[in-house]
């Protein structure tokens, strides 16, 4: 499924393309874990302490990776969205990183 104006491009029920968090409807202190999964689908993984700061906190991790070019001129680009939750399952923060060449 591909739709312009959508937050993600879904393939097989997984988030494969991510927009920066400021373009998503994720609100710290209000949005819940189930809200995030409804919005973005199943995460690529989860993170716990010490990857995230809070000892009892958790995070859902969404990733997108792209490789293009030829064997002799390969370019890689990746995006990672990490949505952090407290032990009640409410969003406490969002971390978005990009790396590589588009």
N, C-alpha and C. Protein backbone atom coordinates (compact mmCIF):
# COMPACT_ATOMS: atom_id res chain seq x y z
N UNK A 1 0.85 -1.17 0.00
CA UNK A 1 0.00 0.00 0.00
C UNK A 1 0.89 1.23 0.00
N UNK A 2 0.63 2.16 -0.87
CA UNK A 2 1.40 3.40 -0.92
C UNK A 2 0.42 4.55 -1.05
N UNK A 3 0.55 5.54 -0.19
CA UNK A 3 -0.35 6.68 -0.26
C UNK A 3 0.41 7.95 0.07
N UNK A 4 0.28 8.95 -0.78
CA UNK A 4 0.93 10.23 -0.49
C UNK A 4 0.22 10.86 0.70
N UNK A 5 0.97 11.52 1.55
CA UNK A 5 0.41 12.12 2.74
C UNK A 5 0.34 11.14 3.90
N UNK A 6 0.61 9.88 3.64
CA UNK A 6 0.64 8.88 4.70
C UNK A 6 1.98 8.99 5.44
N UNK A 7 2.02 8.49 6.65
CA UNK A 7 3.25 8.55 7.42
C UNK A 7 4.27 7.53 6.93
N UNK A 8 3.79 6.43 6.42
CA UNK A 8 4.69 5.34 6.06
C UNK A 8 4.22 4.65 4.80
N UNK A 9 5.09 3.91 4.22
CA UNK A 9 4.75 2.99 3.14
C UNK A 9 4.75 1.62 3.77
N UNK A 10 3.63 0.92 3.72
CA UNK A 10 3.53 -0.39 4.36
C UNK A 10 3.78 -1.50 3.36
N UNK A 11 4.62 -2.42 3.74
CA UNK A 11 4.87 -3.61 2.95
C UNK A 11 4.82 -4.78 3.90
N UNK A 12 3.89 -5.67 3.70
CA UNK A 12 3.77 -6.84 4.57
C UNK A 12 3.47 -6.48 6.01
N UNK A 13 2.78 -5.35 6.24
CA UNK A 13 2.40 -4.97 7.60
C UNK A 13 3.52 -4.32 8.40
N UNK A 14 4.67 -4.04 7.78
CA UNK A 14 5.78 -3.43 8.50
C UNK A 14 6.01 -2.02 8.00
N UNK A 15 6.46 -1.16 8.90
CA UNK A 15 6.80 0.21 8.52
C UNK A 15 8.12 0.17 7.75
N UNK A 16 8.11 0.57 6.49
CA UNK A 16 9.33 0.52 5.71
C UNK A 16 9.87 1.90 5.38
N UNK A 17 9.04 2.92 5.46
CA UNK A 17 9.51 4.29 5.21
C UNK A 17 9.00 5.17 6.33
N UNK A 18 9.87 5.95 6.91
CA UNK A 18 9.49 6.77 8.06
C UNK A 18 9.68 8.24 7.78
N UNK A 19 8.76 9.05 8.26
CA UNK A 19 8.89 10.50 8.23
C UNK A 19 9.46 10.95 9.56
N UNK A 20 10.05 12.15 9.61
CA UNK A 20 10.54 12.67 10.90
C UNK A 20 9.39 12.73 11.92
N UNK A 21 9.70 12.58 13.21
CA UNK A 21 8.66 12.50 14.24
C UNK A 21 7.78 13.74 14.31
N UNK A 22 8.29 14.92 13.96
CA UNK A 22 7.46 16.12 14.03
C UNK A 22 6.31 16.08 13.02
N UNK A 23 6.38 15.18 12.04
CA UNK A 23 5.29 15.03 11.06
C UNK A 23 4.33 13.91 11.45
N UNK A 24 4.62 13.21 12.52
CA UNK A 24 3.76 12.14 12.99
C UNK A 24 2.88 12.64 14.13
N UNK A 25 1.80 11.94 14.40
CA UNK A 25 0.86 12.33 15.46
C UNK A 25 1.21 11.65 16.77
N UNK A 26 2.46 11.80 17.21
CA UNK A 26 2.91 11.21 18.46
C UNK A 26 3.12 12.34 19.46
N UNK A 27 2.36 12.30 20.58
CA UNK A 27 2.42 13.38 21.57
C UNK A 27 2.94 12.81 22.88
N UNK A 28 4.06 13.40 23.35
CA UNK A 28 4.65 12.95 24.62
C UNK A 28 3.66 13.18 25.76
N UNK A 29 3.51 12.17 26.61
CA UNK A 29 2.62 12.26 27.75
C UNK A 29 1.17 11.89 27.46
N UNK A 30 0.83 11.68 26.19
CA UNK A 30 -0.55 11.38 25.80
C UNK A 30 -0.65 10.10 24.97
N UNK A 31 0.18 9.99 23.93
CA UNK A 31 0.13 8.84 23.02
C UNK A 31 0.58 7.58 23.75
N UNK A 32 -0.12 6.47 23.51
CA UNK A 32 0.22 5.20 24.15
C UNK A 32 0.93 4.28 23.16
N UNK A 33 1.46 3.20 23.71
CA UNK A 33 2.14 2.18 22.90
C UNK A 33 1.20 1.62 21.83
N UNK A 34 -0.05 1.33 22.20
CA UNK A 34 -1.00 0.79 21.22
C UNK A 34 -1.33 1.83 20.14
N UNK A 35 -1.36 3.11 20.51
CA UNK A 35 -1.58 4.18 19.52
C UNK A 35 -0.46 4.19 18.49
N UNK A 36 0.78 4.05 18.94
CA UNK A 36 1.94 4.06 18.05
C UNK A 36 1.89 2.86 17.10
N UNK A 37 1.55 1.70 17.62
CA UNK A 37 1.47 0.50 16.77
C UNK A 37 0.33 0.63 15.76
N UNK A 38 -0.77 1.24 16.14
CA UNK A 38 -1.87 1.48 15.19
C UNK A 38 -1.42 2.44 14.09
N UNK A 39 -0.63 3.44 14.46
CA UNK A 39 -0.16 4.46 13.52
C UNK A 39 0.92 3.93 12.57
N UNK A 40 1.88 3.18 13.12
CA UNK A 40 3.06 2.77 12.34
C UNK A 40 3.13 1.29 12.01
N UNK A 41 2.29 0.49 12.63
CA UNK A 41 2.36 -0.95 12.41
C UNK A 41 3.36 -1.60 13.35
N UNK A 42 3.66 -2.85 13.08
CA UNK A 42 4.58 -3.60 13.94
C UNK A 42 5.99 -3.02 13.85
N UNK A 43 6.66 -2.87 14.99
CA UNK A 43 8.03 -2.34 14.97
C UNK A 43 9.03 -3.38 14.47
N UNK A 44 10.21 -2.90 14.07
CA UNK A 44 11.30 -3.80 13.68
C UNK A 44 11.89 -4.46 14.91
N UNK A 45 11.76 -3.81 16.07
CA UNK A 45 12.30 -4.37 17.30
C UNK A 45 11.95 -3.50 18.49
N UNK A 46 12.50 -3.89 19.64
CA UNK A 46 12.30 -3.13 20.88
C UNK A 46 13.65 -2.91 21.53
N UNK A 47 13.73 -1.88 22.36
CA UNK A 47 14.97 -1.57 23.08
C UNK A 47 14.66 -1.38 24.55
N UNK A 48 15.62 -1.75 25.40
CA UNK A 48 15.51 -1.58 26.85
C UNK A 48 16.83 -1.00 27.36
N UNK A 49 16.88 -0.71 28.64
CA UNK A 49 18.10 -0.23 29.29
C UNK A 49 19.21 -1.27 29.09
N UNK A 50 20.42 -0.91 28.74
CA UNK A 50 21.04 0.41 28.72
C UNK A 50 20.99 1.13 27.37
N UNK A 51 20.30 0.57 26.36
CA UNK A 51 20.18 1.27 25.08
C UNK A 51 19.38 2.55 25.26
N UNK A 52 18.37 2.52 26.13
CA UNK A 52 17.62 3.73 26.48
C UNK A 52 17.90 4.05 27.95
N UNK A 53 17.66 5.30 28.34
CA UNK A 53 18.06 5.78 29.67
C UNK A 53 17.31 5.16 30.84
N UNK A 54 16.00 5.07 30.76
CA UNK A 54 15.20 4.62 31.89
C UNK A 54 15.34 3.13 32.17
N UNK A 55 15.64 2.80 33.40
CA UNK A 55 15.83 1.41 33.80
C UNK A 55 14.60 0.55 33.55
N UNK A 56 13.41 1.11 33.77
CA UNK A 56 12.16 0.37 33.58
C UNK A 56 11.42 0.73 32.29
N UNK A 57 12.03 1.60 31.47
CA UNK A 57 11.39 2.04 30.24
C UNK A 57 11.67 1.08 29.09
N UNK A 58 10.91 1.25 28.02
CA UNK A 58 11.06 0.44 26.80
C UNK A 58 10.94 1.38 25.61
N UNK A 59 11.34 0.89 24.45
CA UNK A 59 11.19 1.67 23.22
C UNK A 59 10.83 0.74 22.07
N UNK A 60 9.99 1.25 21.17
CA UNK A 60 9.72 0.56 19.92
C UNK A 60 10.66 1.15 18.89
N UNK A 61 11.26 0.29 18.06
CA UNK A 61 12.24 0.74 17.08
C UNK A 61 11.71 0.44 15.68
N UNK A 62 11.67 1.48 14.84
CA UNK A 62 11.28 1.37 13.45
C UNK A 62 12.48 1.77 12.59
N UNK A 63 12.78 0.99 11.57
CA UNK A 63 13.93 1.28 10.73
C UNK A 63 13.57 1.24 9.25
N UNK A 64 14.32 1.97 8.48
CA UNK A 64 14.22 1.96 7.02
C UNK A 64 15.65 2.00 6.49
N UNK A 65 15.97 1.11 5.56
CA UNK A 65 17.31 1.09 4.97
C UNK A 65 17.17 1.00 3.46
N UNK A 66 18.01 1.76 2.78
CA UNK A 66 17.99 1.80 1.31
C UNK A 66 19.41 1.63 0.80
N UNK A 67 19.57 0.82 -0.21
CA UNK A 67 20.86 0.66 -0.89
C UNK A 67 20.62 0.86 -2.37
N UNK A 68 21.45 1.66 -3.01
CA UNK A 68 21.31 1.84 -4.44
C UNK A 68 22.67 2.11 -5.07
N UNK A 69 22.73 1.90 -6.37
CA UNK A 69 23.96 2.10 -7.10
C UNK A 69 24.46 0.80 -7.68
N UNK A 70 25.66 0.85 -8.17
CA UNK A 70 26.25 -0.34 -8.76
C UNK A 70 27.21 -0.99 -7.76
N UNK A 71 27.72 -2.12 -8.13
CA UNK A 71 28.65 -2.85 -7.26
C UNK A 71 29.84 -1.98 -6.90
N UNK A 72 30.27 -1.13 -7.83
CA UNK A 72 31.46 -0.31 -7.60
C UNK A 72 31.14 1.08 -7.05
N UNK A 73 29.86 1.41 -6.94
CA UNK A 73 29.46 2.73 -6.44
C UNK A 73 28.17 2.61 -5.63
N UNK A 74 28.19 1.81 -4.59
CA UNK A 74 27.01 1.55 -3.77
C UNK A 74 26.83 2.66 -2.74
N UNK A 75 25.58 3.13 -2.59
CA UNK A 75 25.25 4.14 -1.60
C UNK A 75 24.20 3.56 -0.66
N UNK A 76 24.37 3.83 0.63
CA UNK A 76 23.45 3.35 1.66
C UNK A 76 22.85 4.53 2.38
N UNK A 77 21.58 4.39 2.77
CA UNK A 77 20.88 5.42 3.52
C UNK A 77 19.96 4.72 4.51
N UNK A 78 19.90 5.20 5.74
CA UNK A 78 19.02 4.58 6.73
C UNK A 78 18.36 5.64 7.62
N UNK A 79 17.18 5.27 8.11
CA UNK A 79 16.44 6.09 9.08
C UNK A 79 16.06 5.17 10.24
N UNK A 80 16.15 5.70 11.44
CA UNK A 80 15.72 4.95 12.62
C UNK A 80 14.84 5.85 13.48
N UNK A 81 13.67 5.35 13.82
CA UNK A 81 12.74 6.04 14.71
C UNK A 81 12.60 5.19 15.96
N UNK A 82 12.94 5.77 17.11
CA UNK A 82 12.81 5.08 18.38
C UNK A 82 11.79 5.85 19.23
N UNK A 83 10.68 5.18 19.57
CA UNK A 83 9.63 5.80 20.38
C UNK A 83 9.75 5.23 21.79
N UNK A 84 10.02 6.10 22.77
CA UNK A 84 10.26 5.67 24.15
C UNK A 84 9.00 5.75 24.99
N UNK A 85 8.84 4.77 25.88
CA UNK A 85 7.65 4.67 26.74
C UNK A 85 8.06 4.46 28.19
N UNK A 86 7.23 4.99 29.12
CA UNK A 86 7.44 4.69 30.53
C UNK A 86 6.81 3.33 30.84
N UNK A 87 6.87 2.91 32.11
CA UNK A 87 6.36 1.58 32.45
C UNK A 87 4.83 1.49 32.38
N UNK A 88 4.13 2.63 32.20
CA UNK A 88 2.68 2.60 31.98
C UNK A 88 2.33 2.55 30.49
N UNK A 89 3.34 2.57 29.61
CA UNK A 89 3.08 2.49 28.17
C UNK A 89 2.72 3.81 27.53
N UNK A 90 3.10 4.93 28.15
CA UNK A 90 2.84 6.27 27.61
C UNK A 90 4.15 6.83 27.05
N UNK A 91 4.07 7.49 25.90
CA UNK A 91 5.26 8.03 25.24
C UNK A 91 5.95 9.07 26.12
N UNK A 92 7.27 8.90 26.28
CA UNK A 92 8.08 9.87 27.03
C UNK A 92 9.06 10.60 26.12
N UNK A 93 9.26 10.11 24.90
CA UNK A 93 10.16 10.77 23.99
C UNK A 93 10.25 10.05 22.66
N UNK A 94 10.85 10.73 21.70
CA UNK A 94 11.02 10.18 20.36
C UNK A 94 12.42 10.54 19.89
N UNK A 95 13.12 9.58 19.30
CA UNK A 95 14.46 9.82 18.77
C UNK A 95 14.46 9.40 17.30
N UNK A 96 14.91 10.31 16.42
CA UNK A 96 14.92 10.03 14.98
C UNK A 96 16.32 10.33 14.46
N UNK A 97 16.92 9.37 13.78
CA UNK A 97 18.25 9.56 13.22
C UNK A 97 18.28 9.12 11.77
N UNK A 98 19.15 9.74 11.00
CA UNK A 98 19.40 9.34 9.61
C UNK A 98 20.90 9.18 9.43
N UNK A 99 21.28 8.35 8.47
CA UNK A 99 22.70 8.16 8.19
C UNK A 99 22.88 7.79 6.72
N UNK A 100 24.00 8.18 6.15
CA UNK A 100 24.33 7.78 4.80
C UNK A 100 23.91 8.79 3.74
N UNK A 101 23.98 8.36 2.49
CA UNK A 101 23.66 9.18 1.33
C UNK A 101 22.38 8.70 0.69
N UNK A 102 21.49 9.64 0.35
CA UNK A 102 20.23 9.29 -0.31
C UNK A 102 20.48 8.86 -1.74
